[in-house]
PDB file of N, CA and C in Angstrom:
ATOM      1  N   LYS A   1     -24.259 -61.011   0.381  1.00  0.00           N
ATOM      2  CA  LYS A   1     -23.816 -61.406   1.718  1.00  0.00           C
ATOM      3  C   LYS A   1     -22.525 -62.207   1.592  1.00  0.00           C
ATOM      4  N   LEU A   2     -21.689 -62.068   2.590  1.00  0.00           N
ATOM      5  CA  LEU A   2     -20.417 -62.774   2.618  1.00  0.00           C
ATOM      6  C   LEU A   2     -20.484 -63.862   3.685  1.00  0.00           C
ATOM      7  N   ASN A   3     -20.124 -65.073   3.314  1.00  0.00           N
ATOM      8  CA  ASN A   3     -20.082 -66.151   4.294  1.00  0.00           C
ATOM      9  C   ASN A   3     -18.833 -66.008   5.156  1.00  0.00           C
ATOM     10  N   LEU A   4     -18.923 -66.483   6.377  1.00  0.00           N
ATOM     11  CA  LEU A   4     -17.811 -66.393   7.321  1.00  0.00           C
ATOM     12  C   LEU A   4     -16.629 -67.231   6.863  1.00  0.00           C
ATOM     13  N   LEU A   5     -15.436 -66.725   7.061  1.00  0.00           N
ATOM     14  CA  LEU A   5     -14.243 -67.504   6.790  1.00  0.00           C
ATOM     15  C   LEU A   5     -13.988 -68.471   7.947  1.00  0.00           C
ATOM     16  N   ALA A   6     -14.186 -68.005   9.158  1.00  0.00           N
ATOM     17  CA  ALA A   6     -13.995 -68.845  10.337  1.00  0.00           C
ATOM     18  C   ALA A   6     -15.124 -68.558  11.309  1.00  0.00           C
ATOM     19  N   ARG A   7     -15.812 -69.597  11.715  1.00  0.00           N
ATOM     20  CA  ARG A   7     -16.906 -69.456  12.665  1.00  0.00           C
ATOM     21  C   ARG A   7     -16.400 -69.581  14.099  1.00  0.00           C
ATOM     22  N   ARG A   8     -15.310 -70.323  14.248  1.00  0.00           N
ATOM     23  CA  ARG A   8     -14.756 -70.556  15.580  1.00  0.00           C
ATOM     24  C   ARG A   8     -13.243 -70.421  15.531  1.00  0.00           C
ATOM     25  N   LEU A   9     -12.699 -69.762  16.543  1.00  0.00           N
ATOM     26  CA  LEU A   9     -11.255 -69.644  16.697  1.00  0.00           C
ATOM     27  C   LEU A   9     -10.862 -70.189  18.063  1.00  0.00           C
ATOM     28  N   VAL A  10      -9.839 -71.012  18.090  1.00  0.00           N
ATOM     29  CA  VAL A  10      -9.277 -71.533  19.337  1.00  0.00           C
ATOM     30  C   VAL A  10      -7.788 -71.204  19.304  1.00  0.00           C
ATOM     31  N   LEU A  11      -7.384 -70.326  20.229  1.00  0.00           N
ATOM     32  CA  LEU A  11      -6.010 -69.815  20.226  1.00  0.00           C
ATOM     33  C   LEU A  11      -5.419 -69.877  21.627  1.00  0.00           C
ATOM     34  N   PRO A  12      -4.088 -70.029  21.719  1.00  0.00           N
ATOM     35  CA  PRO A  12      -3.470 -69.916  23.040  1.00  0.00           C
ATOM     36  C   PRO A  12      -3.563 -68.465  23.520  1.00  0.00           C
ATOM     37  N   HIS A  13      -3.954 -68.291  24.766  1.00  0.00           N
ATOM     38  CA  HIS A  13      -4.062 -66.953  25.346  1.00  0.00           C
ATOM     39  C   HIS A  13      -2.683 -66.537  25.860  1.00  0.00           C
ATOM     40  N   PRO A  14      -2.277 -65.284  25.645  1.00  0.00           N
ATOM     41  CA  PRO A  14      -0.940 -64.847  26.083  1.00  0.00           C
ATOM     42  C   PRO A  14      -0.705 -64.989  27.586  1.00  0.00           C
ATOM     43  N   ARG A  15      -1.757 -64.955  28.381  1.00  0.00           N
ATOM     44  CA  ARG A  15      -1.609 -65.091  29.840  1.00  0.00           C
ATOM     45  C   ARG A  15      -1.772 -66.534  30.304  1.00  0.00           C
ATOM     46  N   GLY A  16      -1.855 -67.453  29.348  1.00  0.00           N
ATOM     47  CA  GLY A  16      -2.034 -68.862  29.671  1.00  0.00           C
ATOM     48  C   GLY A  16      -3.447 -69.313  29.355  1.00  0.00           C
ATOM     49  N   GLY A  17      -3.602 -70.579  29.178  1.00  0.00           N
ATOM     50  CA  GLY A  17      -4.917 -71.121  28.856  1.00  0.00           C
ATOM     51  C   GLY A  17      -5.237 -70.980  27.377  1.00  0.00           C
ATOM     52  N   ILE A  18      -6.483 -71.199  27.068  1.00  0.00           N
ATOM     53  CA  ILE A  18      -6.955 -71.191  25.688  1.00  0.00           C
ATOM     54  C   ILE A  18      -8.090 -70.184  25.551  1.00  0.00           C
ATOM     55  N   LEU A  19      -8.059 -69.422  24.472  1.00  0.00           N
ATOM     56  CA  LEU A  19      -9.153 -68.517  24.120  1.00  0.00           C
ATOM     57  C   LEU A  19      -9.986 -69.223  23.055  1.00  0.00           C
ATOM     58  N   ASP A  20     -11.251 -69.465  23.330  1.00  0.00           N
ATOM     59  CA  ASP A  20     -12.148 -70.199  22.429  1.00  0.00           C
ATOM     60  C   ASP A  20     -13.358 -69.311  22.156  1.00  0.00           C
ATOM     61  N   VAL A  21     -13.462 -68.809  20.922  1.00  0.00           N
ATOM     62  CA  VAL A  21     -14.526 -67.873  20.551  1.00  0.00           C
ATOM     63  C   VAL A  21     -15.322 -68.465  19.395  1.00  0.00           C
ATOM     64  N   THR A  22     -16.650 -68.525  19.551  1.00  0.00           N
ATOM     65  CA  THR A  22     -17.528 -69.033  18.498  1.00  0.00           C
ATOM     66  C   THR A  22     -18.566 -67.979  18.160  1.00  0.00           C
ATOM     67  N   ALA A  23     -18.707 -67.699  16.872  1.00  0.00           N
ATOM     68  CA  ALA A  23     -19.706 -66.735  16.403  1.00  0.00           C
ATOM     69  C   ALA A  23     -20.996 -67.469  16.059  1.00  0.00           C
ATOM     70  N   PRO A  24     -22.141 -66.889  16.396  1.00  0.00           N
ATOM     71  CA  PRO A  24     -23.395 -67.494  15.954  1.00  0.00           C
ATOM     72  C   PRO A  24     -23.511 -67.365  14.437  1.00  0.00           C
ATOM     73  N   LEU A  25     -24.177 -68.323  13.820  1.00  0.00           N
ATOM     74  CA  LEU A  25     -24.368 -68.261  12.372  1.00  0.00           C
ATOM     75  C   LEU A  25     -25.461 -67.261  12.031  1.00  0.00           C
ATOM     76  N   PRO A  26     -25.182 -66.315  11.122  1.00  0.00           N
ATOM     77  CA  PRO A  26     -26.252 -65.443  10.645  1.00  0.00           C
ATOM     78  C   PRO A  26     -27.230 -66.266   9.797  1.00  0.00           C
ATOM     79  N   ASP A  27     -28.416 -65.736   9.591  1.00  0.00           N
ATOM     80  CA  ASP A  27     -29.456 -66.470   8.863  1.00  0.00           C
ATOM     81  C   ASP A  27     -28.989 -66.945   7.493  1.00  0.00           C
ATOM     82  N   HIS A  28     -28.313 -66.070   6.723  1.00  0.00           N
ATOM     83  CA  HIS A  28     -27.890 -66.478   5.375  1.00  0.00           C
ATOM     84  C   HIS A  28     -26.858 -67.602   5.421  1.00  0.00           C
ATOM     85  N   MET A  29     -26.020 -67.617   6.468  1.00  0.00           N
ATOM     86  CA  MET A  29     -25.028 -68.681   6.604  1.00  0.00           C
ATOM     87  C   MET A  29     -25.703 -69.982   7.018  1.00  0.00           C
ATOM     88  N   GLN A  30     -26.697 -69.901   7.889  1.00  0.00           N
ATOM     89  CA  GLN A  30     -27.440 -71.098   8.286  1.00  0.00           C
ATOM     90  C   GLN A  30     -28.116 -71.719   7.069  1.00  0.00           C
ATOM     91  N   GLN A  31     -28.635 -70.888   6.172  1.00  0.00           N
ATOM     92  CA  GLN A  31     -29.248 -71.395   4.939  1.00  0.00           C
ATOM     93  C   GLN A  31     -28.217 -72.144   4.094  1.00  0.00           C
ATOM     94  N   SER A  32     -27.000 -71.621   4.009  1.00  0.00           N
ATOM     95  CA  SER A  32     -25.937 -72.307   3.262  1.00  0.00           C
ATOM     96  C   SER A  32     -25.600 -73.644   3.911  1.00  0.00           C
ATOM     97  N   TRP A  33     -25.488 -73.655   5.230  1.00  0.00           N
ATOM     98  CA  TRP A  33     -25.174 -74.902   5.932  1.00  0.00           C
ATOM     99  C   TRP A  33     -26.289 -75.915   5.727  1.00  0.00           C
ATOM    100  N   ASP A  34     -27.535 -75.461   5.786  1.00  0.00           N
ATOM    101  CA  ASP A  34     -28.670 -76.362   5.556  1.00  0.00           C
ATOM    102  C   ASP A  34     -28.624 -76.941   4.144  1.00  0.00           C
ATOM    103  N   LEU A  35     -28.291 -76.109   3.162  1.00  0.00           N
ATOM    104  CA  LEU A  35     -28.223 -76.541   1.769  1.00  0.00           C
ATOM    105  C   LEU A  35     -27.214 -77.675   1.589  1.00  0.00           C
ATOM    106  N   PHE A  36     -26.082 -77.587   2.278  1.00  0.00           N
ATOM    107  CA  PHE A  36     -25.039 -78.605   2.152  1.00  0.00           C
ATOM    108  C   PHE A  36     -25.183 -79.743   3.166  1.00  0.00           C
ATOM    109  N   GLY A  37     -26.190 -79.680   4.022  1.00  0.00           N
ATOM    110  CA  GLY A  37     -26.426 -80.743   4.987  1.00  0.00           C
ATOM    111  C   GLY A  37     -25.525 -80.692   6.209  1.00  0.00           C
ATOM    112  N   PHE A  38     -24.899 -79.541   6.463  1.00  0.00           N
ATOM    113  CA  PHE A  38     -24.061 -79.397   7.652  1.00  0.00           C
ATOM    114  C   PHE A  38     -24.958 -79.214   8.871  1.00  0.00           C
ATOM    115  N   ASP A  39     -24.609 -79.865   9.958  1.00  0.00           N
ATOM    116  CA  ASP A  39     -25.375 -79.746  11.197  1.00  0.00           C
ATOM    117  C   ASP A  39     -24.440 -79.264  12.300  1.00  0.00           C
ATOM    118  N   VAL A  40     -24.632 -78.041  12.705  1.00  0.00           N
ATOM    119  CA  VAL A  40     -23.784 -77.413  13.719  1.00  0.00           C
ATOM    120  C   VAL A  40     -23.792 -78.204  15.027  1.00  0.00           C
ATOM    121  N   LYS A  41     -24.869 -78.860  15.360  1.00  0.00           N
ATOM    122  CA  LYS A  41     -24.972 -79.595  16.620  1.00  0.00           C
ATOM    123  C   LYS A  41     -24.288 -80.964  16.549  1.00  0.00           C
ATOM    124  N   ARG A  42     -24.125 -81.503  15.339  1.00  0.00           N
ATOM    125  CA  ARG A  42     -23.532 -82.839  15.192  1.00  0.00           C
ATOM    126  C   ARG A  42     -22.029 -82.816  14.989  1.00  0.00           C
ATOM    127  N   HIS A  43     -21.528 -81.791  14.314  1.00  0.00           N
ATOM    128  CA  HIS A  43     -20.116 -81.769  13.948  1.00  0.00           C
ATOM    129  C   HIS A  43     -19.465 -80.463  14.366  1.00  0.00           C
ATOM    130  N   ASP A  44     -18.324 -80.587  14.975  1.00  0.00           N
ATOM    131  CA  ASP A  44     -17.503 -79.433  15.318  1.00  0.00           C
ATOM    132  C   ASP A  44     -16.240 -79.533  14.476  1.00  0.00           C
ATOM    133  N   PRO A  45     -16.010 -78.590  13.547  1.00  0.00           N
ATOM    134  CA  PRO A  45     -14.861 -78.713  12.657  1.00  0.00           C
ATOM    135  C   PRO A  45     -13.514 -78.721  13.370  1.00  0.00           C
ATOM    136  N   ILE A  46     -13.456 -78.187  14.572  1.00  0.00           N
ATOM    137  CA  ILE A  46     -12.193 -78.221  15.311  1.00  0.00           C
ATOM    138  C   ILE A  46     -12.049 -79.554  16.035  1.00  0.00           C
ATOM    139  N   GLU A  47     -13.086 -79.967  16.744  1.00  0.00           N
ATOM    140  CA  GLU A  47     -13.037 -81.233  17.479  1.00  0.00           C
ATOM    141  C   GLU A  47     -12.990 -82.430  16.536  1.00  0.00           C
ATOM    142  N   ASP A  48     -13.672 -82.345  15.402  1.00  0.00           N
ATOM    143  CA  ASP A  48     -13.777 -83.467  14.471  1.00  0.00           C
ATOM    144  C   ASP A  48     -12.759 -83.412  13.340  1.00  0.00           C
ATOM    145  N   ALA A  49     -11.811 -82.491  13.397  1.00  0.00           N
ATOM    146  CA  ALA A  49     -10.819 -82.358  12.325  1.00  0.00           C
ATOM    147  C   ALA A  49      -9.907 -83.585  12.296  1.00  0.00           C
ATOM    148  N   PRO A  50      -9.538 -84.030  11.093  1.00  0.00           N
ATOM    149  CA  PRO A  50      -8.603 -85.165  11.008  1.00  0.00           C
ATOM    150  C   PRO A  50      -7.228 -84.763  11.533  1.00  0.00           C
ATOM    151  N   ASP A  51      -6.506 -85.716  12.053  1.00  0.00           N
ATOM    152  CA  ASP A  51      -5.147 -85.447  12.535  1.00  0.00           C
ATOM    153  C   ASP A  51      -4.247 -85.127  11.353  1.00  0.00           C
ATOM    154  N   ALA A  52      -3.372 -84.158  11.544  1.00  0.00           N
ATOM    155  CA  ALA A  52      -2.449 -83.758  10.458  1.00  0.00           C
ATOM    156  C   ALA A  52      -1.291 -84.712  10.366  1.00  0.00           C
TER     157      ALA A  52
END
């Protein structure tokens, strides 16, 4: 099985606004997240990302 490279994409939409797409985690990916202690409900990698 291949783990997802990106679970969520947030992009500017060509007609204006923002396109925000989130994929559900497949079972094998959820197992990986559980193994590393990641909690999808607690942390959003886009919202919680450090400022560049």
